[in-house]
Amino acid sequence: MVSNDHEGLKATRLPPLPGGIVAERCRVHYARNLLGMVGAARRKDLAADLRAIFAATSREQALGMASSVADRWREKGNEKVAEHVEEHVEECLTCLEFPESHRRRIRTTNGLERLNREIKRRTRVVRIFPNRESCLRLVTALCVEQSEEWVTGRRYLDMGDFEEQRHEEGREAQGVMLMKR
């Protein structure tokens, strides 16, 4: 599940998601929030630091870079940015647990925002719906259309990569268990 830092979602204190589903904070929204904490003259530097963190290929590497970025911003006298990076950047790194081919798609809320724009565009054309059911039919049809495109057309996520990674992790875990015996 990818979301922005929505106060309503945080207030619900969602229990752990079923089936091992994990939450990811949208990197774009995180960067916008963080860049808003510094003046215009320092935004390029902070944006470069964030790009370096998000370019990491492993969680450990990203956290190490985040720590050095936080130290650098603390030395520059911006404690607020340093604390924010230390406390919240990890929320944006969940995608590193997934195959490389999936990361680009799940690191932001772009897919959802694109769907919402299309729904808005199509409902604006109709302007006035005769009843709730007609609006629901249109929105449902758009969602089904998007889902079918992801599954049959331009595949949004190839689940074969995901399954392969999970099987590999299972084999590695079995190897560790055998070594302990």
N, C-alpha and C. Protein backbone atom coordinates (compact mmCIF):
# COMPACT_ATOMS: atom_id res chain seq x y z
N MET A 1 0.85 -1.16 0.00
CA MET A 1 0.00 0.00 0.00
C MET A 1 0.90 1.23 0.00
N VAL A 2 0.72 2.09 -0.95
CA VAL A 2 1.49 3.33 -1.04
C VAL A 2 0.55 4.48 -0.74
N SER A 3 0.98 5.37 0.16
CA SER A 3 0.13 6.51 0.50
C SER A 3 0.99 7.73 0.75
N ASN A 4 0.33 8.88 0.81
CA ASN A 4 1.05 10.08 1.22
C ASN A 4 0.97 10.14 2.75
N ASP A 5 1.43 11.19 3.33
CA ASP A 5 1.44 11.31 4.80
C ASP A 5 0.09 11.86 5.26
N HIS A 6 -0.96 11.16 4.92
CA HIS A 6 -2.33 11.62 5.17
C HIS A 6 -2.67 11.50 6.65
N GLU A 7 -3.06 12.61 7.25
CA GLU A 7 -3.37 12.63 8.68
C GLU A 7 -4.51 11.68 9.03
N GLY A 8 -5.51 11.58 8.15
CA GLY A 8 -6.64 10.68 8.39
C GLY A 8 -6.21 9.23 8.46
N LEU A 9 -5.32 8.82 7.56
CA LEU A 9 -4.82 7.44 7.58
C LEU A 9 -4.01 7.18 8.84
N LYS A 10 -3.19 8.14 9.22
CA LYS A 10 -2.38 7.97 10.43
C LYS A 10 -3.26 7.92 11.68
N ALA A 11 -4.35 8.71 11.69
CA ALA A 11 -5.23 8.77 12.85
C ALA A 11 -5.99 7.46 13.06
N THR A 12 -6.22 6.71 12.00
CA THR A 12 -6.96 5.46 12.13
C THR A 12 -6.15 4.39 12.83
N ARG A 13 -4.85 4.57 12.86
CA ARG A 13 -3.94 3.58 13.48
C ARG A 13 -4.25 2.18 12.97
N LEU A 14 -4.11 2.06 11.66
CA LEU A 14 -4.42 0.80 11.00
C LEU A 14 -3.61 -0.34 11.62
N PRO A 15 -4.26 -1.49 11.81
CA PRO A 15 -3.51 -2.66 12.28
C PRO A 15 -2.62 -3.15 11.15
N PRO A 16 -1.70 -4.05 11.44
CA PRO A 16 -0.87 -4.60 10.35
C PRO A 16 -1.77 -5.11 9.24
N LEU A 17 -1.38 -4.84 8.02
CA LEU A 17 -2.21 -5.20 6.87
C LEU A 17 -2.16 -6.71 6.63
N PRO A 18 -3.29 -7.31 6.21
CA PRO A 18 -3.36 -8.77 6.04
C PRO A 18 -2.50 -9.26 4.88
N GLY A 19 -2.10 -10.51 4.96
CA GLY A 19 -1.38 -11.14 3.87
C GLY A 19 0.02 -10.61 3.65
N GLY A 20 0.60 -9.99 4.65
CA GLY A 20 1.96 -9.49 4.52
C GLY A 20 2.06 -8.21 3.70
N ILE A 21 0.93 -7.54 3.47
CA ILE A 21 0.95 -6.29 2.73
C ILE A 21 1.67 -5.24 3.57
N VAL A 22 2.53 -4.50 2.94
CA VAL A 22 3.31 -3.49 3.65
C VAL A 22 2.94 -2.10 3.17
N ALA A 23 3.21 -1.12 4.00
CA ALA A 23 2.89 0.26 3.67
C ALA A 23 4.16 0.98 3.21
N GLU A 24 4.02 1.82 2.22
CA GLU A 24 5.11 2.62 1.67
C GLU A 24 4.64 4.06 1.60
N ARG A 25 5.46 4.97 2.07
CA ARG A 25 5.12 6.38 1.95
C ARG A 25 5.60 6.87 0.59
N CYS A 26 4.78 7.61 -0.09
CA CYS A 26 5.10 8.13 -1.42
C CYS A 26 6.35 9.02 -1.32
N ARG A 27 7.35 8.70 -2.11
CA ARG A 27 8.60 9.46 -2.07
C ARG A 27 8.43 10.89 -2.55
N VAL A 28 7.56 11.09 -3.52
CA VAL A 28 7.34 12.44 -4.05
C VAL A 28 6.74 13.33 -2.96
N HIS A 29 5.72 12.82 -2.28
CA HIS A 29 5.10 13.61 -1.22
C HIS A 29 6.07 13.85 -0.06
N TYR A 30 6.86 12.83 0.27
CA TYR A 30 7.85 12.99 1.33
C TYR A 30 8.85 14.08 0.96
N ALA A 31 9.37 14.03 -0.26
CA ALA A 31 10.35 15.03 -0.70
C ALA A 31 9.75 16.43 -0.69
N ARG A 32 8.52 16.57 -1.15
CA ARG A 32 7.87 17.88 -1.14
C ARG A 32 7.75 18.41 0.28
N ASN A 33 7.34 17.55 1.20
CA ASN A 33 7.20 17.98 2.59
C ASN A 33 8.54 18.41 3.16
N LEU A 34 9.58 17.64 2.89
CA LEU A 34 10.90 17.95 3.43
C LEU A 34 11.49 19.21 2.79
N LEU A 35 11.33 19.35 1.48
CA LEU A 35 11.87 20.54 0.79
C LEU A 35 11.18 21.81 1.27
N GLY A 36 9.96 21.69 1.75
CA GLY A 36 9.25 22.84 2.29
C GLY A 36 9.83 23.33 3.61
N MET A 37 10.72 22.55 4.20
CA MET A 37 11.32 22.93 5.48
C MET A 37 12.57 23.79 5.32
N VAL A 38 13.03 23.96 4.09
CA VAL A 38 14.24 24.76 3.86
C VAL A 38 13.93 25.89 2.89
N GLY A 39 14.77 26.89 2.90
CA GLY A 39 14.62 28.01 1.99
C GLY A 39 14.95 27.61 0.57
N ALA A 40 14.55 28.46 -0.37
CA ALA A 40 14.74 28.17 -1.79
C ALA A 40 16.21 27.96 -2.14
N ALA A 41 17.11 28.67 -1.49
CA ALA A 41 18.54 28.58 -1.79
C ALA A 41 19.12 27.20 -1.43
N ARG A 42 18.51 26.48 -0.49
CA ARG A 42 19.06 25.21 -0.04
C ARG A 42 18.30 23.99 -0.59
N ARG A 43 17.24 24.24 -1.35
CA ARG A 43 16.41 23.13 -1.84
C ARG A 43 17.16 22.22 -2.80
N LYS A 44 18.00 22.78 -3.66
CA LYS A 44 18.73 21.94 -4.61
C LYS A 44 19.64 20.96 -3.88
N ASP A 45 20.31 21.45 -2.83
CA ASP A 45 21.20 20.58 -2.05
C ASP A 45 20.42 19.45 -1.39
N LEU A 46 19.29 19.80 -0.79
CA LEU A 46 18.48 18.78 -0.10
C LEU A 46 17.89 17.80 -1.11
N ALA A 47 17.44 18.30 -2.25
CA ALA A 47 16.89 17.42 -3.29
C ALA A 47 17.95 16.44 -3.78
N ALA A 48 19.17 16.90 -3.94
CA ALA A 48 20.27 16.01 -4.36
C ALA A 48 20.53 14.94 -3.30
N ASP A 49 20.50 15.34 -2.03
CA ASP A 49 20.69 14.36 -0.95
C ASP A 49 19.59 13.31 -0.96
N LEU A 50 18.35 13.74 -1.16
CA LEU A 50 17.23 12.79 -1.19
C LEU A 50 17.34 11.84 -2.39
N ARG A 51 17.73 12.37 -3.55
CA ARG A 51 17.91 11.51 -4.73
C ARG A 51 18.98 10.45 -4.46
N ALA A 52 20.03 10.84 -3.77
CA ALA A 52 21.09 9.88 -3.45
C ALA A 52 20.57 8.77 -2.54
N ILE A 53 19.78 9.14 -1.55
CA ILE A 53 19.20 8.14 -0.64
C ILE A 53 18.30 7.20 -1.42
N PHE A 54 17.42 7.76 -2.26
CA PHE A 54 16.43 6.95 -2.97
C PHE A 54 17.04 6.16 -4.12
N ALA A 55 18.27 6.46 -4.50
CA ALA A 55 18.95 5.70 -5.56
C ALA A 55 19.62 4.45 -5.01
N ALA A 56 19.63 4.30 -3.70
CA ALA A 56 20.26 3.13 -3.08
C ALA A 56 19.58 1.85 -3.54
N THR A 57 20.34 0.78 -3.61
CA THR A 57 19.79 -0.50 -4.05
C THR A 57 19.41 -1.42 -2.91
N SER A 58 19.76 -1.05 -1.69
CA SER A 58 19.36 -1.86 -0.53
C SER A 58 18.94 -0.95 0.62
N ARG A 59 18.17 -1.51 1.50
CA ARG A 59 17.68 -0.75 2.65
C ARG A 59 18.84 -0.29 3.53
N GLU A 60 19.81 -1.16 3.75
CA GLU A 60 20.95 -0.83 4.59
C GLU A 60 21.75 0.33 3.99
N GLN A 61 21.97 0.27 2.69
CA GLN A 61 22.70 1.34 2.01
C GLN A 61 21.94 2.66 2.12
N ALA A 62 20.62 2.62 1.91
CA ALA A 62 19.81 3.83 1.99
C ALA A 62 19.81 4.41 3.41
N LEU A 63 19.71 3.55 4.41
CA LEU A 63 19.72 4.04 5.79
C LEU A 63 21.07 4.63 6.16
N GLY A 64 22.15 4.03 5.67
CA GLY A 64 23.48 4.59 5.91
C GLY A 64 23.63 5.97 5.29
N MET A 65 23.14 6.10 4.07
CA MET A 65 23.19 7.40 3.40
C MET A 65 22.31 8.41 4.12
N ALA A 66 21.14 7.97 4.58
CA ALA A 66 20.23 8.87 5.30
C ALA A 66 20.88 9.38 6.58
N SER A 67 21.61 8.51 7.25
CA SER A 67 22.30 8.91 8.47
C SER A 67 23.35 9.98 8.18
N SER A 68 24.12 9.80 7.11
CA SER A 68 25.14 10.79 6.78
C SER A 68 24.50 12.10 6.30
N VAL A 69 23.36 12.01 5.60
CA VAL A 69 22.64 13.22 5.18
C VAL A 69 22.13 13.97 6.40
N ALA A 70 21.58 13.24 7.36
CA ALA A 70 21.08 13.88 8.58
C ALA A 70 22.22 14.58 9.32
N ASP A 71 23.36 13.91 9.43
CA ASP A 71 24.52 14.52 10.09
C ASP A 71 24.96 15.79 9.37
N ARG A 72 24.98 15.74 8.03
CA ARG A 72 25.40 16.90 7.24
C ARG A 72 24.45 18.08 7.46
N TRP A 73 23.14 17.81 7.48
CA TRP A 73 22.17 18.91 7.67
C TRP A 73 22.18 19.41 9.11
N ARG A 74 22.53 18.54 10.04
CA ARG A 74 22.66 18.98 11.43
C ARG A 74 23.85 19.93 11.56
N GLU A 75 24.95 19.60 10.86
CA GLU A 75 26.13 20.46 10.87
C GLU A 75 25.84 21.81 10.22
N LYS A 76 24.94 21.82 9.23
CA LYS A 76 24.56 23.07 8.56
C LYS A 76 23.61 23.90 9.42
N GLY A 77 23.23 23.37 10.57
CA GLY A 77 22.36 24.12 11.48
C GLY A 77 20.88 23.91 11.25
N ASN A 78 20.52 22.87 10.50
CA ASN A 78 19.10 22.61 10.26
C ASN A 78 18.70 21.31 10.94
N GLU A 79 18.51 21.41 12.24
CA GLU A 79 18.16 20.26 13.08
C GLU A 79 16.82 19.65 12.66
N LYS A 80 15.89 20.49 12.25
CA LYS A 80 14.55 20.02 11.88
C LYS A 80 14.61 19.04 10.69
N VAL A 81 15.39 19.39 9.68
CA VAL A 81 15.55 18.50 8.52
C VAL A 81 16.25 17.22 8.94
N ALA A 82 17.30 17.34 9.74
CA ALA A 82 18.06 16.18 10.19
C ALA A 82 17.16 15.20 10.94
N GLU A 83 16.37 15.72 11.87
CA GLU A 83 15.46 14.85 12.64
C GLU A 83 14.42 14.21 11.74
N HIS A 84 13.89 14.97 10.80
CA HIS A 84 12.87 14.43 9.90
C HIS A 84 13.43 13.29 9.06
N VAL A 85 14.64 13.46 8.55
CA VAL A 85 15.27 12.40 7.76
C VAL A 85 15.49 11.17 8.63
N GLU A 86 16.00 11.35 9.82
CA GLU A 86 16.27 10.21 10.71
C GLU A 86 14.99 9.47 11.09
N GLU A 87 13.91 10.21 11.33
CA GLU A 87 12.68 9.59 11.82
C GLU A 87 11.77 9.06 10.72
N HIS A 88 11.78 9.67 9.52
CA HIS A 88 10.75 9.33 8.55
C HIS A 88 11.22 8.78 7.22
N VAL A 89 12.48 8.87 6.88
CA VAL A 89 12.92 8.40 5.55
C VAL A 89 12.70 6.90 5.40
N GLU A 90 12.77 6.17 6.49
CA GLU A 90 12.59 4.72 6.43
C GLU A 90 11.20 4.33 5.90
N GLU A 91 10.22 5.22 6.10
CA GLU A 91 8.86 4.97 5.60
C GLU A 91 8.84 4.89 4.08
N CYS A 92 9.84 5.46 3.43
CA CYS A 92 9.90 5.50 1.96
C CYS A 92 10.76 4.39 1.37
N LEU A 93 11.24 3.49 2.20
CA LEU A 93 12.20 2.48 1.73
C LEU A 93 11.61 1.08 1.64
N THR A 94 10.33 0.93 1.91
CA THR A 94 9.70 -0.38 1.87
C THR A 94 9.82 -1.02 0.50
N CYS A 95 9.79 -0.21 -0.55
CA CYS A 95 9.85 -0.75 -1.91
C CYS A 95 11.15 -1.50 -2.17
N LEU A 96 12.19 -1.27 -1.38
CA LEU A 96 13.47 -1.96 -1.58
C LEU A 96 13.38 -3.45 -1.25
N GLU A 97 12.29 -3.86 -0.62
CA GLU A 97 12.08 -5.28 -0.32
C GLU A 97 11.50 -6.03 -1.51
N PHE A 98 11.17 -5.32 -2.58
CA PHE A 98 10.53 -5.91 -3.75
C PHE A 98 11.53 -6.00 -4.90
N PRO A 99 11.19 -6.78 -5.93
CA PRO A 99 12.10 -6.89 -7.09
C PRO A 99 12.35 -5.53 -7.72
N GLU A 100 13.52 -5.37 -8.30
CA GLU A 100 13.92 -4.12 -8.93
C GLU A 100 12.89 -3.65 -9.95
N SER A 101 12.30 -4.57 -10.70
CA SER A 101 11.34 -4.21 -11.73
C SER A 101 10.05 -3.61 -11.14
N HIS A 102 9.76 -3.87 -9.88
CA HIS A 102 8.54 -3.35 -9.24
C HIS A 102 8.76 -2.00 -8.58
N ARG A 103 9.96 -1.72 -8.19
CA ARG A 103 10.24 -0.54 -7.35
C ARG A 103 9.78 0.76 -7.98
N ARG A 104 10.01 0.94 -9.26
CA ARG A 104 9.65 2.19 -9.92
C ARG A 104 8.14 2.43 -9.88
N ARG A 105 7.37 1.37 -9.89
CA ARG A 105 5.91 1.48 -9.91
C ARG A 105 5.32 1.70 -8.52
N ILE A 106 5.95 1.16 -7.48
CA ILE A 106 5.32 1.19 -6.16
C ILE A 106 5.91 2.23 -5.21
N ARG A 107 6.86 2.99 -5.67
CA ARG A 107 7.49 3.95 -4.76
C ARG A 107 6.71 5.25 -4.63
N THR A 108 5.72 5.48 -5.51
CA THR A 108 4.92 6.70 -5.44
C THR A 108 3.44 6.36 -5.62
N THR A 109 2.60 7.36 -5.44
CA THR A 109 1.16 7.20 -5.65
C THR A 109 0.76 7.61 -7.07
N ASN A 110 1.71 7.66 -8.00
CA ASN A 110 1.43 8.13 -9.36
C ASN A 110 0.31 7.34 -10.04
N GLY A 111 0.31 6.01 -9.91
CA GLY A 111 -0.72 5.20 -10.55
C GLY A 111 -2.12 5.56 -10.06
N LEU A 112 -2.25 5.69 -8.77
CA LEU A 112 -3.54 6.06 -8.19
C LEU A 112 -3.94 7.48 -8.60
N GLU A 113 -3.00 8.39 -8.59
CA GLU A 113 -3.31 9.77 -8.97
C GLU A 113 -3.71 9.86 -10.44
N ARG A 114 -3.09 9.05 -11.28
CA ARG A 114 -3.45 9.02 -12.70
C ARG A 114 -4.88 8.51 -12.87
N LEU A 115 -5.23 7.47 -12.14
CA LEU A 115 -6.59 6.94 -12.20
C LEU A 115 -7.59 7.97 -11.69
N ASN A 116 -7.27 8.65 -10.60
CA ASN A 116 -8.18 9.68 -10.07
C ASN A 116 -8.38 10.82 -11.07
N ARG A 117 -7.34 11.23 -11.77
CA ARG A 117 -7.47 12.28 -12.78
C ARG A 117 -8.39 11.84 -13.92
N GLU A 118 -8.25 10.57 -14.33
CA GLU A 118 -9.11 10.06 -15.41
C GLU A 118 -10.57 10.00 -14.96
N ILE A 119 -10.81 9.58 -13.73
CA ILE A 119 -12.18 9.56 -13.21
C ILE A 119 -12.74 10.97 -13.17
N LYS A 120 -11.95 11.91 -12.72
CA LYS A 120 -12.41 13.31 -12.67
C LYS A 120 -12.71 13.83 -14.06
N ARG A 121 -11.83 13.53 -15.01
CA ARG A 121 -12.03 14.00 -16.38
C ARG A 121 -13.31 13.43 -16.98
N ARG A 122 -13.51 12.13 -16.79
CA ARG A 122 -14.69 11.48 -17.39
C ARG A 122 -15.99 11.87 -16.71
N THR A 123 -15.97 12.08 -15.40
CA THR A 123 -17.21 12.49 -14.71
C THR A 123 -17.53 13.94 -15.01
N ARG A 124 -16.52 14.75 -15.26
CA ARG A 124 -16.75 16.16 -15.59
C ARG A 124 -17.47 16.29 -16.93
N VAL A 125 -17.20 15.37 -17.86
CA VAL A 125 -17.87 15.39 -19.16
C VAL A 125 -19.37 15.17 -18.99
N VAL A 126 -19.74 14.25 -18.11
CA VAL A 126 -21.16 13.94 -17.88
C VAL A 126 -21.85 15.09 -17.16
N ARG A 127 -21.16 15.71 -16.26
CA ARG A 127 -21.61 16.87 -15.47
C ARG A 127 -22.69 16.53 -14.45
N ILE A 128 -23.84 16.02 -14.89
CA ILE A 128 -24.92 15.72 -13.94
C ILE A 128 -25.34 14.27 -14.17
N PHE A 129 -25.22 13.48 -13.13
CA PHE A 129 -25.63 12.08 -13.21
C PHE A 129 -27.10 11.98 -12.78
N PRO A 130 -27.86 11.11 -13.43
CA PRO A 130 -29.27 10.98 -13.05
C PRO A 130 -29.46 10.38 -11.65
N ASN A 131 -28.50 9.54 -11.21
CA ASN A 131 -28.58 8.94 -9.88
C ASN A 131 -27.19 8.45 -9.46
N ARG A 132 -27.08 8.01 -8.22
CA ARG A 132 -25.80 7.53 -7.69
C ARG A 132 -25.29 6.31 -8.44
N GLU A 133 -26.21 5.44 -8.81
CA GLU A 133 -25.83 4.19 -9.47
C GLU A 133 -25.16 4.45 -10.82
N SER A 134 -25.63 5.45 -11.55
CA SER A 134 -25.01 5.74 -12.85
C SER A 134 -23.58 6.25 -12.67
N CYS A 135 -23.35 7.04 -11.65
CA CYS A 135 -21.98 7.50 -11.36
C CYS A 135 -21.11 6.32 -10.95
N LEU A 136 -21.65 5.46 -10.10
CA LEU A 136 -20.91 4.29 -9.65
C LEU A 136 -20.57 3.37 -10.83
N ARG A 137 -21.49 3.20 -11.78
CA ARG A 137 -21.23 2.37 -12.95
C ARG A 137 -20.06 2.93 -13.77
N LEU A 138 -20.05 4.24 -13.97
CA LEU A 138 -18.97 4.86 -14.75
C LEU A 138 -17.63 4.68 -14.04
N VAL A 139 -17.59 4.98 -12.77
CA VAL A 139 -16.33 4.87 -12.02
C VAL A 139 -15.86 3.42 -11.97
N THR A 140 -16.78 2.49 -11.75
CA THR A 140 -16.43 1.07 -11.72
C THR A 140 -15.89 0.63 -13.07
N ALA A 141 -16.53 1.06 -14.16
CA ALA A 141 -16.07 0.70 -15.49
C ALA A 141 -14.65 1.22 -15.74
N LEU A 142 -14.37 2.43 -15.29
CA LEU A 142 -13.02 2.97 -15.45
C LEU A 142 -11.99 2.16 -14.66
N CYS A 143 -12.36 1.75 -13.45
CA CYS A 143 -11.45 0.95 -12.62
C CYS A 143 -11.21 -0.42 -13.25
N VAL A 144 -12.26 -1.04 -13.77
CA VAL A 144 -12.12 -2.34 -14.43
C VAL A 144 -11.25 -2.19 -15.68
N GLU A 145 -11.48 -1.14 -16.44
CA GLU A 145 -10.68 -0.88 -17.64
C GLU A 145 -9.20 -0.74 -17.28
N GLN A 146 -8.90 -0.01 -16.23
CA GLN A 146 -7.52 0.16 -15.79
C GLN A 146 -6.91 -1.16 -15.36
N SER A 147 -7.67 -1.94 -14.60
CA SER A 147 -7.19 -3.24 -14.14
C SER A 147 -6.90 -4.16 -15.31
N GLU A 148 -7.80 -4.20 -16.29
CA GLU A 148 -7.59 -5.05 -17.46
C GLU A 148 -6.36 -4.62 -18.25
N GLU A 149 -6.14 -3.32 -18.35
CA GLU A 149 -4.95 -2.84 -19.05
C GLU A 149 -3.69 -3.30 -18.34
N TRP A 150 -3.69 -3.25 -17.03
CA TRP A 150 -2.51 -3.66 -16.27
C TRP A 150 -2.28 -5.17 -16.41
N VAL A 151 -3.35 -5.94 -16.49
CA VAL A 151 -3.22 -7.39 -16.53
C VAL A 151 -2.91 -7.90 -17.94
N THR A 152 -3.62 -7.37 -18.95
CA THR A 152 -3.50 -7.94 -20.29
C THR A 152 -2.67 -7.09 -21.25
N GLY A 153 -2.71 -5.79 -21.10
CA GLY A 153 -2.01 -4.91 -22.03
C GLY A 153 -0.62 -4.59 -21.53
N ARG A 154 -0.41 -3.34 -21.27
CA ARG A 154 0.87 -2.88 -20.75
C ARG A 154 0.90 -3.29 -19.27
N ARG A 155 1.55 -4.38 -19.00
CA ARG A 155 1.54 -4.94 -17.65
C ARG A 155 2.19 -3.98 -16.68
N TYR A 156 1.46 -3.64 -15.62
CA TYR A 156 1.94 -2.68 -14.65
C TYR A 156 3.00 -3.31 -13.76
N LEU A 157 2.73 -4.50 -13.24
CA LEU A 157 3.69 -5.23 -12.43
C LEU A 157 3.73 -6.68 -12.90
N ASP A 158 4.90 -7.21 -13.13
CA ASP A 158 5.05 -8.60 -13.49
C ASP A 158 5.21 -9.41 -12.21
N MET A 159 4.18 -10.13 -11.84
CA MET A 159 4.21 -10.86 -10.57
C MET A 159 5.16 -12.06 -10.61
N GLY A 160 5.60 -12.45 -11.80
CA GLY A 160 6.58 -13.52 -11.89
C GLY A 160 7.88 -13.16 -11.19
N ASP A 161 8.30 -11.90 -11.33
CA ASP A 161 9.51 -11.42 -10.63
C ASP A 161 9.33 -11.51 -9.12
N PHE A 162 8.14 -11.12 -8.67
CA PHE A 162 7.84 -11.13 -7.23
C PHE A 162 7.87 -12.56 -6.69
N GLU A 163 7.22 -13.48 -7.39
CA GLU A 163 7.18 -14.88 -6.96
C GLU A 163 8.59 -15.49 -6.95
N GLU A 164 9.39 -15.16 -7.96
CA GLU A 164 10.76 -15.67 -8.03
C GLU A 164 11.57 -15.20 -6.83
N GLN A 165 11.42 -13.91 -6.46
CA GLN A 165 12.16 -13.38 -5.32
C GLN A 165 11.72 -14.07 -4.03
N ARG A 166 10.43 -14.29 -3.86
CA ARG A 166 9.92 -14.95 -2.64
C ARG A 166 10.44 -16.38 -2.54
N HIS A 167 10.47 -17.12 -3.67
CA HIS A 167 11.00 -18.49 -3.66
C HIS A 167 12.48 -18.49 -3.31
N GLU A 168 13.22 -17.53 -3.85
CA GLU A 168 14.65 -17.42 -3.57
C GLU A 168 14.88 -17.13 -2.09
N GLU A 169 14.08 -16.23 -1.52
CA GLU A 169 14.20 -15.93 -0.09
C GLU A 169 13.89 -17.15 0.76
N GLY A 170 12.90 -17.95 0.31
CA GLY A 170 12.56 -19.19 1.03
C GLY A 170 13.69 -20.19 1.01
N ARG A 171 14.34 -20.31 -0.16
CA ARG A 171 15.48 -21.23 -0.27
C ARG A 171 16.63 -20.77 0.61
N GLU A 172 16.87 -19.45 0.66
CA GLU A 172 17.94 -18.92 1.51
C GLU A 172 17.63 -19.18 2.98
N ALA A 173 16.37 -19.01 3.37
CA ALA A 173 15.98 -19.26 4.76
C ALA A 173 16.16 -20.73 5.11
N GLN A 174 15.84 -21.64 4.18
CA GLN A 174 16.04 -23.06 4.43
C GLN A 174 17.52 -23.38 4.59
N GLY A 175 18.36 -22.73 3.79
CA GLY A 175 19.79 -22.93 3.89
C GLY A 175 20.32 -22.50 5.25
N VAL A 176 19.81 -21.41 5.78
CA VAL A 176 20.20 -20.95 7.11
C VAL A 176 19.76 -21.94 8.17
N MET A 177 18.56 -22.48 8.03
CA MET A 177 18.04 -23.45 8.99
C MET A 177 18.90 -24.70 8.98
N LEU A 178 19.31 -25.17 7.78
CA LEU A 178 20.13 -26.35 7.69
C LEU A 178 21.51 -26.11 8.31
N MET A 179 22.06 -24.92 8.13
CA MET A 179 23.36 -24.60 8.69
C MET A 179 23.32 -24.57 10.21
N LYS A 180 22.19 -24.18 10.80
CA LYS A 180 22.08 -24.10 12.26
C LYS A 180 22.03 -25.47 12.88
N ARG A 181 21.54 -26.46 12.13
CA ARG A 181 21.44 -27.82 12.67
C ARG A 181 22.79 -28.38 12.75
